[in-house]
Amino acid sequence: MDSHMSYQAPSDSAAISVSQTPPSESGTWRDFINITKPGIIRSNLIAAFAGFWLASHWDFQYGKMIMTLLGTALVMASSCVFNNYFDRELDLKMERTRERSLPTGRLKPRVVLWYAITLGVLGIGILFIFSGVLAGIFGVLGAFVYVVIYTLWLKRSSTWSTSVGGISGAMPPVIGYVAVTGTVDMAAWLLFAMLFLWQPPHFWALGIRRVEEYRAAGYPLLPVVKGIRRTKFQMIPYLIVLIMVPILMYTYGYAGIYYMVISLALSVMWLYLALKGFRAKDDEVWAKKVFLFSINYLTLSLIAMIINTTF
């Protein structure tokens, strides 16, 4: 695909032609769970726990940990529900999302809106009360960036949505860390960098796999606007800088040598896979491999960090 291709939003007639599924059965508890995007919550709770563990110096406060993880989970759940609420009409245009409970009518928008507000108030309240002011502030910042900056603004208007949206996705480990330390130091910044740098190449791989769906839905995602080849190039700087994170975590004494070796090896492998994309004959197959590897990269790196914390 030409990297200089222009982006064109679907015409009104194309949007009207999308068939809307009439309400079928009423929503169940599974629908209320699914709109919180439990997969995203699960992976980010591992990151929040890693940040909490890294800061604990083996002096673990189990009560604070539980409340921090609970507050973080509720804030993330609220943000995801808001995302589902505001994207409900756009979700009708994508095969991957049109069966969600809002587009199908199983859940009513008003109910979902109040659900999002309730989760957010509870989560922010728990963070401020039990995890400290800094943790609460970062929780508010993450939710604001995801809901207002990413979902309502950039996702609909700019290719910068993925990069800027990465700020919200990088909050969980920072929340976990500052809940223990009450300060923002180099370790907090490195945890932020790890998650922030991970997200764009991870999501762009998904974007390449689903590029025609995003084009049909009218999302100005980088592969849609600039093309697949340009997107491959844009992945590389993030992955190069990501290589520095495990090195610096070890150099500053926050994590051990085994973490550095494992995470560094995974980072180099990811960069190698990304570079192979320039010679890939099937972009969809290549992007699927990169996407799956990125998920394993994050999980394995965080587990290695937790096991090999040096304090």
C-alpha atoms as a PDB file:
ATOM      1  CA  MET A   1       0.000   0.000   0.000  1.00  0.00           C
ATOM      2  CA  ASP A   2       1.291   3.442  -0.865  1.00  0.00           C
ATOM      3  CA  SER A   3       2.614   5.221   2.209  1.00  0.00           C
ATOM      4  CA  HIS A   4       1.404   8.575   0.865  1.00  0.00           C
ATOM      5  CA  MET A   5      -2.175   7.550   0.261  1.00  0.00           C
ATOM      6  CA  SER A   6      -4.786  10.096   1.310  1.00  0.00           C
ATOM      7  CA  TYR A   7      -7.467   9.401   3.872  1.00  0.00           C
ATOM      8  CA  GLN A   8     -11.121   9.667   2.975  1.00  0.00           C
ATOM      9  CA  ALA A   9     -13.874   9.193   5.513  1.00  0.00           C
ATOM     10  CA  PRO A  10     -16.796   7.050   4.375  1.00  0.00           C
ATOM     11  CA  SER A  11     -19.545   8.958   2.651  1.00  0.00           C
ATOM     12  CA  ASP A  12     -22.918   9.469   4.308  1.00  0.00           C
ATOM     13  CA  SER A  13     -24.465   6.905   2.011  1.00  0.00           C
ATOM     14  CA  ALA A  14     -21.865   4.364   3.026  1.00  0.00           C
ATOM     15  CA  ALA A  15     -22.562   5.052   6.677  1.00  0.00           C
ATOM     16  CA  ILE A  16     -26.322   4.756   6.162  1.00  0.00           C
ATOM     17  CA  SER A  17     -25.888   1.432   4.395  1.00  0.00           C
ATOM     18  CA  VAL A  18     -24.469  -0.152   7.541  1.00  0.00           C
ATOM     19  CA  SER A  19     -27.207  -2.341   8.870  1.00  0.00           C
ATOM     20  CA  GLN A  20     -28.112  -1.694  12.482  1.00  0.00           C
ATOM     21  CA  THR A  21     -28.968  -4.765  14.454  1.00  0.00           C
ATOM     22  CA  PRO A  22     -32.324  -4.302  16.200  1.00  0.00           C
ATOM     23  CA  PRO A  23     -32.430  -4.947  19.945  1.00  0.00           C
ATOM     24  CA  SER A  24     -32.673  -8.647  20.634  1.00  0.00           C
ATOM     25  CA  GLU A  25     -32.542 -10.091  24.150  1.00  0.00           C
ATOM     26  CA  SER A  26     -31.921  -7.868  27.131  1.00  0.00           C
ATOM     27  CA  GLY A  27     -28.461  -7.492  28.582  1.00  0.00           C
ATOM     28  CA  THR A  28     -27.010  -9.924  31.103  1.00  0.00           C
ATOM     29  CA  TRP A  29     -24.273  -9.628  33.704  1.00  0.00           C
ATOM     30  CA  ARG A  30     -21.852 -10.864  31.040  1.00  0.00           C
ATOM     31  CA  ASP A  31     -22.627  -7.796  28.931  1.00  0.00           C
ATOM     32  CA  PHE A  32     -21.827  -5.521  31.870  1.00  0.00           C
ATOM     33  CA  ILE A  33     -18.528  -7.333  32.340  1.00  0.00           C
ATOM     34  CA  ASN A  34     -17.631  -7.375  28.649  1.00  0.00           C
ATOM     35  CA  ILE A  35     -18.043  -3.618  28.150  1.00  0.00           C
ATOM     36  CA  THR A  36     -15.345  -3.075  30.777  1.00  0.00           C
ATOM     37  CA  LYS A  37     -12.934  -4.918  28.428  1.00  0.00           C
ATOM     38  CA  PRO A  38     -11.657  -7.451  31.010  1.00  0.00           C
ATOM     39  CA  GLY A  39      -8.690  -8.450  28.827  1.00  0.00           C
ATOM     40  CA  ILE A  40      -7.341  -4.899  28.958  1.00  0.00           C
ATOM     41  CA  ILE A  41      -7.990  -4.697  32.703  1.00  0.00           C
ATOM     42  CA  ARG A  42      -6.211  -7.996  33.334  1.00  0.00           C
ATOM     43  CA  SER A  43      -3.008  -7.045  31.502  1.00  0.00           C
ATOM     44  CA  ASN A  44      -2.934  -3.577  33.062  1.00  0.00           C
ATOM     45  CA  LEU A  45      -3.457  -4.961  36.564  1.00  0.00           C
ATOM     46  CA  ILE A  46      -0.318  -7.036  36.068  1.00  0.00           C
ATOM     47  CA  ALA A  47       1.452  -3.778  35.206  1.00  0.00           C
ATOM     48  CA  ALA A  48      -0.010  -2.023  38.274  1.00  0.00           C
ATOM     49  CA  PHE A  49       1.077  -4.913  40.477  1.00  0.00           C
ATOM     50  CA  ALA A  50       4.571  -4.810  38.946  1.00  0.00           C
ATOM     51  CA  GLY A  51       4.839  -1.111  39.810  1.00  0.00           C
ATOM     52  CA  PHE A  52       3.610  -1.712  43.358  1.00  0.00           C
ATOM     53  CA  TRP A  53       5.993  -4.646  43.818  1.00  0.00           C
ATOM     54  CA  LEU A  54       8.958  -2.733  42.410  1.00  0.00           C
ATOM     55  CA  ALA A  55       8.418   0.087  44.908  1.00  0.00           C
ATOM     56  CA  SER A  56       7.740  -2.102  47.933  1.00  0.00           C
ATOM     57  CA  HIS A  57      11.358  -2.976  48.806  1.00  0.00           C
ATOM     58  CA  TRP A  58      10.020  -6.336  50.027  1.00  0.00           C
ATOM     59  CA  ASP A  59       8.035  -4.479  52.713  1.00  0.00           C
ATOM     60  CA  PHE A  60       4.692  -5.433  51.252  1.00  0.00           C
ATOM     61  CA  GLN A  61       1.480  -3.711  52.380  1.00  0.00           C
ATOM     62  CA  TYR A  62      -1.157  -6.200  51.314  1.00  0.00           C
ATOM     63  CA  GLY A  63      -4.138  -4.053  52.247  1.00  0.00           C
ATOM     64  CA  LYS A  64      -2.894  -1.066  50.265  1.00  0.00           C
ATOM     65  CA  MET A  65      -2.000  -3.352  47.351  1.00  0.00           C
ATOM     66  CA  ILE A  66      -5.524  -4.793  47.189  1.00  0.00           C
ATOM     67  CA  MET A  67      -7.154  -1.355  47.338  1.00  0.00           C
ATOM     68  CA  THR A  68      -4.733   0.069  44.772  1.00  0.00           C
ATOM     69  CA  LEU A  69      -5.442  -2.749  42.336  1.00  0.00           C
ATOM     70  CA  LEU A  70      -9.181  -2.444  42.974  1.00  0.00           C
ATOM     71  CA  GLY A  71      -9.167   1.315  42.434  1.00  0.00           C
ATOM     72  CA  THR A  72      -7.041   0.979  39.296  1.00  0.00           C
ATOM     73  CA  ALA A  73      -9.306  -1.746  37.920  1.00  0.00           C
ATOM     74  CA  LEU A  74     -12.426   0.356  38.505  1.00  0.00           C
ATOM     75  CA  VAL A  75     -10.919   3.448  36.851  1.00  0.00           C
ATOM     76  CA  MET A  76      -9.834   1.393  33.837  1.00  0.00           C
ATOM     77  CA  ALA A  77     -13.239  -0.294  33.681  1.00  0.00           C
ATOM     78  CA  SER A  78     -14.959   3.101  33.787  1.00  0.00           C
ATOM     79  CA  SER A  79     -12.764   4.431  30.979  1.00  0.00           C
ATOM     80  CA  CYS A  80     -13.483   1.386  28.817  1.00  0.00           C
ATOM     81  CA  VAL A  81     -17.232   1.668  29.440  1.00  0.00           C
ATOM     82  CA  PHE A  82     -17.117   5.357  28.484  1.00  0.00           C
ATOM     83  CA  ASN A  83     -15.234   4.291  25.344  1.00  0.00           C
ATOM     84  CA  ASN A  84     -17.987   1.804  24.487  1.00  0.00           C
ATOM     85  CA  TYR A  85     -20.640   4.441  25.161  1.00  0.00           C
ATOM     86  CA  PHE A  86     -19.157   7.130  22.919  1.00  0.00           C
ATOM     87  CA  ASP A  87     -18.149   4.676  20.175  1.00  0.00           C
ATOM     88  CA  ARG A  88     -21.469   2.814  19.998  1.00  0.00           C
ATOM     89  CA  GLU A  89     -22.429   4.132  16.549  1.00  0.00           C
ATOM     90  CA  LEU A  90     -18.950   3.709  15.096  1.00  0.00           C
ATOM     91  CA  ASP A  91     -18.827   0.154  16.470  1.00  0.00           C
ATOM     92  CA  LEU A  92     -21.704  -0.735  14.140  1.00  0.00           C
ATOM     93  CA  LYS A  93     -19.398  -0.199  11.176  1.00  0.00           C
ATOM     94  CA  MET A  94     -16.735  -2.717  12.191  1.00  0.00           C
ATOM     95  CA  GLU A  95     -17.104  -6.476  12.073  1.00  0.00           C
ATOM     96  CA  ARG A  96     -14.921  -6.796  15.171  1.00  0.00           C
ATOM     97  CA  THR A  97     -17.187  -4.587  17.304  1.00  0.00           C
ATOM     98  CA  ARG A  98     -20.693  -4.632  15.858  1.00  0.00           C
ATOM     99  CA  GLU A  99     -21.811  -7.484  18.138  1.00  0.00           C
ATOM    100  CA  ARG A 100     -21.013  -5.571  21.295  1.00  0.00           C
ATOM    101  CA  SER A 101     -23.901  -5.074  23.693  1.00  0.00           C
ATOM    102  CA  LEU A 102     -24.490  -1.383  22.908  1.00  0.00           C
ATOM    103  CA  PRO A 103     -24.587  -1.643  19.083  1.00  0.00           C
ATOM    104  CA  THR A 104     -26.913  -4.638  19.327  1.00  0.00           C
ATOM    105  CA  GLY A 105     -29.191  -2.893  21.802  1.00  0.00           C
ATOM    106  CA  ARG A 106     -28.765  -5.416  24.625  1.00  0.00           C
ATOM    107  CA  LEU A 107     -27.718  -2.547  26.892  1.00  0.00           C
ATOM    108  CA  LYS A 108     -29.253   0.923  26.808  1.00  0.00           C
ATOM    109  CA  PRO A 109     -26.958   3.962  26.429  1.00  0.00           C
ATOM    110  CA  ARG A 110     -28.339   5.715  29.518  1.00  0.00           C
ATOM    111  CA  VAL A 111     -27.692   2.649  31.681  1.00  0.00           C
ATOM    112  CA  VAL A 112     -24.158   2.293  30.311  1.00  0.00           C
ATOM    113  CA  LEU A 113     -23.412   5.991  30.908  1.00  0.00           C
ATOM    114  CA  TRP A 114     -24.397   5.771  34.572  1.00  0.00           C
ATOM    115  CA  TYR A 115     -22.459   2.516  34.874  1.00  0.00           C
ATOM    116  CA  ALA A 116     -19.322   4.278  33.600  1.00  0.00           C
ATOM    117  CA  ILE A 117     -19.818   7.245  35.957  1.00  0.00           C
ATOM    118  CA  THR A 118     -20.360   4.973  38.971  1.00  0.00           C
ATOM    119  CA  LEU A 119     -17.283   2.865  38.265  1.00  0.00           C
ATOM    120  CA  GLY A 120     -15.172   5.982  37.777  1.00  0.00           C
ATOM    121  CA  VAL A 121     -16.303   7.703  40.984  1.00  0.00           C
ATOM    122  CA  LEU A 122     -15.705   4.539  43.014  1.00  0.00           C
ATOM    123  CA  GLY A 123     -12.282   3.918  41.468  1.00  0.00           C
ATOM    124  CA  ILE A 124     -11.003   7.481  41.842  1.00  0.00           C
ATOM    125  CA  GLY A 125     -12.334   7.645  45.387  1.00  0.00           C
ATOM    126  CA  ILE A 126     -10.559   4.427  46.376  1.00  0.00           C
ATOM    127  CA  LEU A 127      -7.259   5.617  44.909  1.00  0.00           C
ATOM    128  CA  PHE A 128      -7.366   8.991  46.676  1.00  0.00           C
ATOM    129  CA  ILE A 129      -8.456   7.520  50.014  1.00  0.00           C
ATOM    130  CA  PHE A 130      -6.359   4.347  50.188  1.00  0.00           C
ATOM    131  CA  SER A 131      -3.467   4.812  47.724  1.00  0.00           C
ATOM    132  CA  GLY A 132      -2.573   8.459  48.147  1.00  0.00           C
ATOM    133  CA  VAL A 133      -3.040  11.752  46.360  1.00  0.00           C
ATOM    134  CA  LEU A 134      -0.487  11.018  43.616  1.00  0.00           C
ATOM    135  CA  ALA A 135      -2.120   7.697  42.775  1.00  0.00           C
ATOM    136  CA  GLY A 136      -5.495   9.414  42.572  1.00  0.00           C
ATOM    137  CA  ILE A 137      -4.123  12.194  40.365  1.00  0.00           C
ATOM    138  CA  PHE A 138      -2.587   9.696  37.957  1.00  0.00           C
ATOM    139  CA  GLY A 139      -5.864   7.763  37.929  1.00  0.00           C
ATOM    140  CA  VAL A 140      -7.757  10.932  36.962  1.00  0.00           C
ATOM    141  CA  LEU A 141      -5.114  11.791  34.344  1.00  0.00           C
ATOM    142  CA  GLY A 142      -5.287   8.341  32.767  1.00  0.00           C
ATOM    143  CA  ALA A 143      -9.084   8.404  32.599  1.00  0.00           C
ATOM    144  CA  PHE A 144      -9.162  11.958  31.202  1.00  0.00           C
ATOM    145  CA  VAL A 145      -6.647  11.184  28.448  1.00  0.00           C
ATOM    146  CA  TYR A 146      -8.416   7.974  27.453  1.00  0.00           C
ATOM    147  CA  VAL A 147     -11.989   9.262  27.492  1.00  0.00           C
ATOM    148  CA  VAL A 148     -11.658  12.916  26.468  1.00  0.00           C
ATOM    149  CA  ILE A 149      -8.370  13.279  24.558  1.00  0.00           C
ATOM    150  CA  TYR A 150      -8.289   9.845  22.906  1.00  0.00           C
ATOM    151  CA  THR A 151     -11.905   8.663  22.535  1.00  0.00           C
ATOM    152  CA  LEU A 152     -13.769  11.921  21.978  1.00  0.00           C
ATOM    153  CA  TRP A 153     -11.113  13.900  20.122  1.00  0.00           C
ATOM    154  CA  LEU A 154      -8.052  12.299  18.521  1.00  0.00           C
ATOM    155  CA  LYS A 155      -9.530   8.899  17.706  1.00  0.00           C
ATOM    156  CA  ARG A 156     -11.953  10.643  15.361  1.00  0.00           C
ATOM    157  CA  SER A 157      -9.630  13.275  13.949  1.00  0.00           C
ATOM    158  CA  SER A 158      -5.919  12.441  13.999  1.00  0.00           C
ATOM    159  CA  THR A 159      -3.318   9.743  13.470  1.00  0.00           C
ATOM    160  CA  TRP A 160      -1.797  10.949  16.760  1.00  0.00           C
ATOM    161  CA  SER A 161      -4.558   9.163  18.663  1.00  0.00           C
ATOM    162  CA  THR A 162      -2.517   6.000  19.197  1.00  0.00           C
ATOM    163  CA  SER A 163       0.596   7.766  20.481  1.00  0.00           C
ATOM    164  CA  VAL A 164      -1.194  10.248  22.740  1.00  0.00           C
ATOM    165  CA  GLY A 165      -3.597   7.555  23.928  1.00  0.00           C
ATOM    166  CA  GLY A 166      -0.543   5.643  25.099  1.00  0.00           C
ATOM    167  CA  ILE A 167      -0.301   8.073  28.024  1.00  0.00           C
ATOM    168  CA  SER A 168      -3.423   6.602  29.608  1.00  0.00           C
ATOM    169  CA  GLY A 169      -2.267   3.038  29.036  1.00  0.00           C
ATOM    170  CA  ALA A 170       1.019   3.791  30.801  1.00  0.00           C
ATOM    171  CA  MET A 171      -0.655   4.951  34.022  1.00  0.00           C
ATOM    172  CA  PRO A 172      -1.313   1.601  35.822  1.00  0.00           C
ATOM    173  CA  PRO A 173       2.312   0.763  36.746  1.00  0.00           C
ATOM    174  CA  VAL A 174       2.895   4.373  37.773  1.00  0.00           C
ATOM    175  CA  ILE A 175      -0.211   4.283  39.993  1.00  0.00           C
ATOM    176  CA  GLY A 176       1.058   1.106  41.625  1.00  0.00           C
ATOM    177  CA  TYR A 177       4.502   2.602  42.159  1.00  0.00           C
ATOM    178  CA  VAL A 178       3.489   5.979  43.606  1.00  0.00           C
ATOM    179  CA  ALA A 179       0.938   4.295  45.889  1.00  0.00           C
ATOM    180  CA  VAL A 180       3.957   2.937  47.758  1.00  0.00           C
ATOM    181  CA  THR A 181       6.538   5.710  47.365  1.00  0.00           C
ATOM    182  CA  GLY A 182       4.398   8.833  47.185  1.00  0.00           C
ATOM    183  CA  THR A 183       6.974  10.271  44.777  1.00  0.00           C
ATOM    184  CA  VAL A 184       7.710  10.302  41.051  1.00  0.00           C
ATOM    185  CA  ASP A 185      11.318   9.238  40.521  1.00  0.00           C
ATOM    186  CA  MET A 186      13.333   7.578  37.755  1.00  0.00           C
ATOM    187  CA  ALA A 187      11.699   4.187  38.347  1.00  0.00           C
ATOM    188  CA  ALA A 188       8.244   5.710  37.859  1.00  0.00           C
ATOM    189  CA  TRP A 189       9.366   7.317  34.602  1.00  0.00           C
ATOM    190  CA  LEU A 190      10.877   4.043  33.357  1.00  0.00           C
ATOM    191  CA  LEU A 191       7.676   2.153  34.159  1.00  0.00           C
ATOM    192  CA  PHE A 192       5.749   4.821  32.283  1.00  0.00           C
ATOM    193  CA  ALA A 193       8.161   4.595  29.338  1.00  0.00           C
ATOM    194  CA  MET A 194       7.856   0.816  29.143  1.00  0.00           C
ATOM    195  CA  LEU A 195       4.073   0.872  28.740  1.00  0.00           C
ATOM    196  CA  PHE A 196       3.983   4.069  26.677  1.00  0.00           C
ATOM    197  CA  LEU A 197       6.519   2.798  24.113  1.00  0.00           C
ATOM    198  CA  TRP A 198       4.877  -0.631  23.971  1.00  0.00           C
ATOM    199  CA  GLN A 199       1.431   0.577  22.942  1.00  0.00           C
ATOM    200  CA  PRO A 200       1.796   2.227  19.505  1.00  0.00           C
ATOM    201  CA  PRO A 201       3.601  -0.671  17.756  1.00  0.00           C
ATOM    202  CA  HIS A 202       1.253  -3.105  19.501  1.00  0.00           C
ATOM    203  CA  PHE A 203      -1.893  -1.283  18.355  1.00  0.00           C
ATOM    204  CA  TRP A 204      -0.584  -0.448  14.890  1.00  0.00           C
ATOM    205  CA  ALA A 205      -0.061  -4.169  14.296  1.00  0.00           C
ATOM    206  CA  LEU A 206      -3.758  -4.654  15.036  1.00  0.00           C
ATOM    207  CA  GLY A 207      -4.540  -1.666  12.822  1.00  0.00           C
ATOM    208  CA  ILE A 208      -2.705  -3.243   9.894  1.00  0.00           C
ATOM    209  CA  ARG A 209      -4.600  -6.508  10.384  1.00  0.00           C
ATOM    210  CA  ARG A 210      -7.935  -4.656  10.433  1.00  0.00           C
ATOM    211  CA  VAL A 211      -7.065  -1.749   8.157  1.00  0.00           C
ATOM    212  CA  GLU A 212     -10.116  -2.087   5.899  1.00  0.00           C
ATOM    213  CA  GLU A 213     -12.476  -2.265   8.866  1.00  0.00           C
ATOM    214  CA  TYR A 214     -10.982   0.901  10.347  1.00  0.00           C
ATOM    215  CA  ARG A 215     -11.214   2.578   6.942  1.00  0.00           C
ATOM    216  CA  ALA A 216     -14.886   1.630   6.610  1.00  0.00           C
ATOM    217  CA  ALA A 217     -15.627   2.908  10.108  1.00  0.00           C
ATOM    218  CA  GLY A 218     -13.961   6.247   9.370  1.00  0.00           C
ATOM    219  CA  TYR A 219     -11.145   6.027  11.920  1.00  0.00           C
ATOM    220  CA  PRO A 220      -8.076   8.051  10.846  1.00  0.00           C
ATOM    221  CA  LEU A 221      -5.703   5.361  12.074  1.00  0.00           C
ATOM    222  CA  LEU A 222      -2.124   5.606  10.811  1.00  0.00           C
ATOM    223  CA  PRO A 223      -2.338   2.597   8.425  1.00  0.00           C
ATOM    224  CA  VAL A 224      -5.532   4.057   6.950  1.00  0.00           C
ATOM    225  CA  VAL A 225      -4.233   7.604   6.491  1.00  0.00           C
ATOM    226  CA  LYS A 226      -0.550   7.081   5.689  1.00  0.00           C
ATOM    227  CA  GLY A 227      -0.501   3.482   4.542  1.00  0.00           C
ATOM    228  CA  ILE A 228       0.929   0.247   5.847  1.00  0.00           C
ATOM    229  CA  ARG A 229       4.556   0.851   4.840  1.00  0.00           C
ATOM    230  CA  ARG A 230       4.650   4.217   6.634  1.00  0.00           C
ATOM    231  CA  THR A 231       3.178   2.538   9.707  1.00  0.00           C
ATOM    232  CA  LYS A 232       5.930  -0.077   9.666  1.00  0.00           C
ATOM    233  CA  PHE A 233       8.536   2.685   9.615  1.00  0.00           C
ATOM    234  CA  GLN A 234       6.825   4.485  12.486  1.00  0.00           C
ATOM    235  CA  MET A 235       6.964   1.383  14.685  1.00  0.00           C
ATOM    236  CA  ILE A 236      10.767   1.270  14.592  1.00  0.00           C
ATOM    237  CA  PRO A 237      11.685   4.342  16.738  1.00  0.00           C
ATOM    238  CA  TYR A 238       9.389   3.164  19.537  1.00  0.00           C
ATOM    239  CA  LEU A 239      10.951  -0.289  19.530  1.00  0.00           C
ATOM    240  CA  ILE A 240      14.501   1.062  19.451  1.00  0.00           C
ATOM    241  CA  VAL A 241      13.889   3.302  22.461  1.00  0.00           C
ATOM    242  CA  LEU A 242      12.054   0.461  24.232  1.00  0.00           C
ATOM    243  CA  ILE A 243      15.303  -1.529  24.180  1.00  0.00           C
ATOM    244  CA  MET A 244      16.782   1.043  26.580  1.00  0.00           C
ATOM    245  CA  VAL A 245      14.174   0.471  29.302  1.00  0.00           C
ATOM    246  CA  PRO A 246      15.458  -2.872  30.694  1.00  0.00           C
ATOM    247  CA  ILE A 247      19.038  -1.611  30.436  1.00  0.00           C
ATOM    248  CA  LEU A 248      18.213   1.486  32.483  1.00  0.00           C
ATOM    249  CA  MET A 249      16.086  -0.467  34.967  1.00  0.00           C
ATOM    250  CA  TYR A 250      19.134  -2.625  35.684  1.00  0.00           C
ATOM    251  CA  THR A 251      21.659   0.224  35.559  1.00  0.00           C
ATOM    252  CA  TYR A 252      19.756   2.255  38.156  1.00  0.00           C
ATOM    253  CA  GLY A 253      19.339  -0.811  40.358  1.00  0.00           C
ATOM    254  CA  TYR A 254      15.566  -1.178  40.159  1.00  0.00           C
ATOM    255  CA  ALA A 255      15.579  -4.696  38.675  1.00  0.00           C
ATOM    256  CA  GLY A 256      18.061  -7.547  38.424  1.00  0.00           C
ATOM    257  CA  ILE A 257      20.239  -8.938  35.687  1.00  0.00           C
ATOM    258  CA  TYR A 258      17.821 -11.727  34.774  1.00  0.00           C
ATOM    259  CA  TYR A 259      15.045  -9.239  34.104  1.00  0.00           C
ATOM    260  CA  MET A 260      17.373  -7.166  31.957  1.00  0.00           C
ATOM    261  CA  VAL A 261      18.516 -10.171  29.903  1.00  0.00           C
ATOM    262  CA  ILE A 262      14.983 -11.506  29.368  1.00  0.00           C
ATOM    263  CA  SER A 263      13.357  -8.161  28.579  1.00  0.00           C
ATOM    264  CA  LEU A 264      16.266  -7.030  26.425  1.00  0.00           C
ATOM    265  CA  ALA A 265      16.154 -10.258  24.408  1.00  0.00           C
ATOM    266  CA  LEU A 266      12.396  -9.864  23.931  1.00  0.00           C
ATOM    267  CA  SER A 267      12.829  -6.225  22.873  1.00  0.00           C
ATOM    268  CA  VAL A 268      15.446  -7.136  20.272  1.00  0.00           C
ATOM    269  CA  MET A 269      13.260  -9.983  18.977  1.00  0.00           C
ATOM    270  CA  TRP A 270      10.315  -7.599  18.605  1.00  0.00           C
ATOM    271  CA  LEU A 271      12.462  -5.120  16.693  1.00  0.00           C
ATOM    272  CA  TYR A 272      13.680  -7.956  14.450  1.00  0.00           C
ATOM    273  CA  LEU A 273      10.089  -9.035  13.733  1.00  0.00           C
ATOM    274  CA  ALA A 274       9.144  -5.447  12.928  1.00  0.00           C
ATOM    275  CA  LEU A 275      12.046  -5.064  10.504  1.00  0.00           C
ATOM    276  CA  LYS A 276      11.053  -8.323   8.800  1.00  0.00           C
ATOM    277  CA  GLY A 277       7.778  -6.643   7.945  1.00  0.00           C
ATOM    278  CA  PHE A 278       9.446  -4.655   5.156  1.00  0.00           C
ATOM    279  CA  ARG A 279      10.002  -7.920   3.305  1.00  0.00           C
ATOM    280  CA  ALA A 280       6.749  -9.590   4.273  1.00  0.00           C
ATOM    281  CA  LYS A 281       4.693 -10.954   1.402  1.00  0.00           C
ATOM    282  CA  ASP A 282       1.495 -11.040   3.443  1.00  0.00           C
ATOM    283  CA  ASP A 283       1.071  -7.982   5.687  1.00  0.00           C
ATOM    284  CA  GLU A 284      -1.912  -9.459   7.531  1.00  0.00           C
ATOM    285  CA  VAL A 285      -0.035 -12.627   8.505  1.00  0.00           C
ATOM    286  CA  TRP A 286       3.011 -10.590   9.551  1.00  0.00           C
ATOM    287  CA  ALA A 287       0.920  -8.141  11.576  1.00  0.00           C
ATOM    288  CA  LYS A 288      -0.808 -10.990  13.417  1.00  0.00           C
ATOM    289  CA  LYS A 289       2.573 -12.413  14.464  1.00  0.00           C
ATOM    290  CA  VAL A 290       3.763  -9.002  15.654  1.00  0.00           C
ATOM    291  CA  PHE A 291       0.516  -8.372  17.538  1.00  0.00           C
ATOM    292  CA  LEU A 292       0.638 -11.705  19.363  1.00  0.00           C
ATOM    293  CA  PHE A 293       4.335 -11.279  20.136  1.00  0.00           C
ATOM    294  CA  SER A 294       3.692  -7.835  21.601  1.00  0.00           C
ATOM    295  CA  ILE A 295       1.177  -9.303  24.061  1.00  0.00           C
ATOM    296  CA  ASN A 296       3.640 -11.986  25.141  1.00  0.00           C
ATOM    297  CA  TYR A 297       6.421  -9.390  25.333  1.00  0.00           C
ATOM    298  CA  LEU A 298       4.573  -7.306  27.889  1.00  0.00           C
ATOM    299  CA  THR A 299       3.431 -10.262  29.999  1.00  0.00           C
ATOM    300  CA  LEU A 300       6.852 -11.927  30.122  1.00  0.00           C
ATOM    301  CA  SER A 301       8.710  -8.671  30.760  1.00  0.00           C
ATOM    302  CA  LEU A 302       6.451  -7.749  33.673  1.00  0.00           C
ATOM    303  CA  ILE A 303       6.680 -11.225  35.174  1.00  0.00           C
ATOM    304  CA  ALA A 304      10.462 -11.132  34.886  1.00  0.00           C
ATOM    305  CA  MET A 305      10.486  -7.708  36.545  1.00  0.00           C
ATOM    306  CA  ILE A 306       8.341  -8.954  39.443  1.00  0.00           C
ATOM    307  CA  ILE A 307      10.477 -12.064  39.989  1.00  0.00           C
ATOM    308  CA  ASN A 308      13.821 -10.288  39.636  1.00  0.00           C
ATOM    309  CA  THR A 309      13.252  -7.071  41.589  1.00  0.00           C
ATOM    310  CA  THR A 310      16.521  -6.232  43.307  1.00  0.00           C
ATOM    311  CA  PHE A 311      15.223  -4.648  46.512  1.00  0.00           C
END
